[in-house]
Amino acid sequence: MSNQIFAGAPAPDDDPIEAAGQVQARTASIDSLLDEIDSVLETNAEAFVQGFVQKGGQ
């Protein structure tokens, strides 16, 4: 049998506390981004949406 290492499986020397800190940092970053989007939508939702509308079938 061959030994397989899966990408999602933590290595034995990984520090679970460090990994938890990375998850919290990522969550905080996502929350910050969502707050920024909410702020833009509160001030000018139409302009925000127009940035995603294709013109001329492009």
N, C-alpha and C. Protein backbone atom coordinates (compact mmCIF):
# COMPACT_ATOMS: atom_id res chain seq x y z
N MET A 1 0.83 -1.20 0.00
CA MET A 1 0.00 0.00 0.00
C MET A 1 0.87 1.25 0.00
N SER A 2 0.39 2.26 -0.66
CA SER A 2 1.14 3.51 -0.67
C SER A 2 0.59 4.45 0.40
N ASN A 3 1.46 5.32 0.87
CA ASN A 3 1.03 6.32 1.85
C ASN A 3 0.50 7.52 1.10
N GLN A 4 -0.71 7.96 1.46
CA GLN A 4 -1.31 9.11 0.82
C GLN A 4 -1.48 10.22 1.84
N ILE A 5 -1.23 11.44 1.39
CA ILE A 5 -1.44 12.61 2.23
C ILE A 5 -2.53 13.43 1.57
N PHE A 6 -3.57 13.71 2.32
CA PHE A 6 -4.69 14.48 1.80
C PHE A 6 -4.50 15.95 2.16
N ALA A 7 -4.89 16.83 1.24
CA ALA A 7 -4.69 18.26 1.44
C ALA A 7 -5.44 18.79 2.66
N GLY A 8 -6.60 18.24 2.95
CA GLY A 8 -7.40 18.74 4.06
C GLY A 8 -6.96 18.22 5.41
N ALA A 9 -6.18 17.17 5.42
CA ALA A 9 -5.76 16.57 6.69
C ALA A 9 -4.56 17.33 7.26
N PRO A 10 -4.62 17.71 8.53
CA PRO A 10 -3.48 18.42 9.12
C PRO A 10 -2.30 17.49 9.33
N ALA A 11 -1.11 18.01 9.15
CA ALA A 11 0.10 17.23 9.41
C ALA A 11 0.24 17.06 10.92
N PRO A 12 0.91 16.01 11.37
CA PRO A 12 1.04 15.77 12.80
C PRO A 12 1.72 16.90 13.55
N ASP A 13 2.58 17.67 12.88
CA ASP A 13 3.29 18.74 13.57
C ASP A 13 2.56 20.09 13.49
N ASP A 14 1.35 20.13 12.88
CA ASP A 14 0.58 21.37 12.82
C ASP A 14 0.09 21.76 14.22
N ASP A 15 0.12 23.05 14.50
CA ASP A 15 -0.32 23.57 15.79
C ASP A 15 -1.80 23.94 15.69
N PRO A 16 -2.69 23.24 16.40
CA PRO A 16 -4.13 23.54 16.28
C PRO A 16 -4.49 24.94 16.78
N ILE A 17 -3.73 25.47 17.72
CA ILE A 17 -4.01 26.82 18.22
C ILE A 17 -3.68 27.86 17.15
N GLU A 18 -2.58 27.64 16.44
CA GLU A 18 -2.21 28.56 15.35
C GLU A 18 -3.26 28.50 14.25
N ALA A 19 -3.75 27.31 13.93
CA ALA A 19 -4.77 27.16 12.89
C ALA A 19 -6.05 27.87 13.30
N ALA A 20 -6.42 27.79 14.56
CA ALA A 20 -7.62 28.47 15.05
C ALA A 20 -7.46 29.98 14.91
N GLY A 21 -6.27 30.49 15.17
CA GLY A 21 -6.02 31.92 15.02
C GLY A 21 -6.15 32.36 13.58
N GLN A 22 -5.71 31.53 12.65
CA GLN A 22 -5.82 31.85 11.23
C GLN A 22 -7.28 31.89 10.81
N VAL A 23 -8.09 30.97 11.34
CA VAL A 23 -9.51 30.95 11.01
C VAL A 23 -10.18 32.21 11.54
N GLN A 24 -9.84 32.62 12.77
CA GLN A 24 -10.43 33.83 13.34
C GLN A 24 -10.02 35.06 12.54
N ALA A 25 -8.77 35.13 12.09
CA ALA A 25 -8.30 36.26 11.30
C ALA A 25 -9.04 36.31 9.96
N ARG A 26 -9.24 35.16 9.34
CA ARG A 26 -9.94 35.10 8.06
C ARG A 26 -11.40 35.52 8.25
N THR A 27 -12.03 35.07 9.34
CA THR A 27 -13.41 35.43 9.62
C THR A 27 -13.54 36.93 9.83
N ALA A 28 -12.60 37.52 10.55
CA ALA A 28 -12.62 38.97 10.78
C ALA A 28 -12.47 39.72 9.47
N SER A 29 -11.62 39.22 8.59
CA SER A 29 -11.40 39.85 7.29
C SER A 29 -12.67 39.80 6.44
N ILE A 30 -13.34 38.67 6.46
CA ILE A 30 -14.58 38.51 5.69
C ILE A 30 -15.66 39.42 6.26
N ASP A 31 -15.76 39.48 7.59
CA ASP A 31 -16.75 40.37 8.22
C ASP A 31 -16.50 41.82 7.85
N SER A 32 -15.24 42.22 7.80
CA SER A 32 -14.89 43.59 7.43
C SER A 32 -15.31 43.88 5.99
N LEU A 33 -15.06 42.94 5.10
CA LEU A 33 -15.44 43.11 3.70
C LEU A 33 -16.95 43.22 3.55
N LEU A 34 -17.68 42.37 4.26
CA LEU A 34 -19.14 42.43 4.19
C LEU A 34 -19.68 43.74 4.75
N ASP A 35 -19.06 44.25 5.80
CA ASP A 35 -19.46 45.55 6.35
C ASP A 35 -19.24 46.67 5.33
N GLU A 36 -18.14 46.58 4.61
CA GLU A 36 -17.84 47.60 3.59
C GLU A 36 -18.87 47.54 2.46
N ILE A 37 -19.23 46.35 2.04
CA ILE A 37 -20.24 46.18 0.98
C ILE A 37 -21.58 46.73 1.46
N ASP A 38 -21.96 46.42 2.70
CA ASP A 38 -23.21 46.95 3.26
C ASP A 38 -23.22 48.47 3.26
N SER A 39 -22.09 49.06 3.60
CA SER A 39 -21.99 50.52 3.63
C SER A 39 -22.20 51.11 2.25
N VAL A 40 -21.59 50.51 1.23
CA VAL A 40 -21.75 50.99 -0.14
C VAL A 40 -23.19 50.84 -0.58
N LEU A 41 -23.80 49.71 -0.25
CA LEU A 41 -25.19 49.49 -0.66
C LEU A 41 -26.15 50.46 0.03
N GLU A 42 -25.86 50.84 1.25
CA GLU A 42 -26.71 51.78 1.96
C GLU A 42 -26.66 53.16 1.32
N THR A 43 -25.51 53.54 0.78
CA THR A 43 -25.38 54.88 0.22
C THR A 43 -25.82 54.95 -1.23
N ASN A 44 -25.49 53.93 -2.04
CA ASN A 44 -25.83 54.02 -3.46
C ASN A 44 -25.90 52.62 -4.07
N ALA A 45 -26.96 51.92 -3.81
CA ALA A 45 -27.12 50.54 -4.29
C ALA A 45 -27.19 50.47 -5.81
N GLU A 46 -27.86 51.43 -6.43
CA GLU A 46 -28.02 51.40 -7.88
C GLU A 46 -26.68 51.48 -8.60
N ALA A 47 -25.80 52.36 -8.16
CA ALA A 47 -24.48 52.49 -8.78
C ALA A 47 -23.67 51.21 -8.58
N PHE A 48 -23.80 50.59 -7.42
CA PHE A 48 -23.07 49.35 -7.15
C PHE A 48 -23.52 48.26 -8.12
N VAL A 49 -24.83 48.13 -8.30
CA VAL A 49 -25.36 47.09 -9.19
C VAL A 49 -24.99 47.38 -10.63
N GLN A 50 -25.00 48.64 -11.04
CA GLN A 50 -24.67 49.00 -12.42
C GLN A 50 -23.24 48.59 -12.78
N GLY A 51 -22.37 48.48 -11.78
CA GLY A 51 -21.00 48.05 -12.03
C GLY A 51 -20.91 46.60 -12.50
N PHE A 52 -21.97 45.84 -12.27
CA PHE A 52 -21.97 44.43 -12.65
C PHE A 52 -22.85 44.14 -13.87
N VAL A 53 -23.56 45.13 -14.37
CA VAL A 53 -24.46 44.93 -15.50
C VAL A 53 -23.66 45.01 -16.79
N GLN A 54 -23.86 44.02 -17.66
CA GLN A 54 -23.17 44.02 -18.96
C GLN A 54 -23.91 44.94 -19.92
N LYS A 55 -23.15 45.66 -20.70
CA LYS A 55 -23.74 46.57 -21.68
C LYS A 55 -23.40 46.08 -23.08
N GLY A 56 -24.37 46.09 -23.93
CA GLY A 56 -24.15 45.71 -25.32
C GLY A 56 -23.83 44.24 -25.51
N GLY A 57 -24.23 43.40 -24.60
CA GLY A 57 -24.03 41.96 -24.73
C GLY A 57 -22.58 41.54 -24.56
N GLN A 58 -21.77 42.36 -23.97
CA GLN A 58 -20.36 42.02 -23.79
C GLN A 58 -20.16 41.17 -22.57
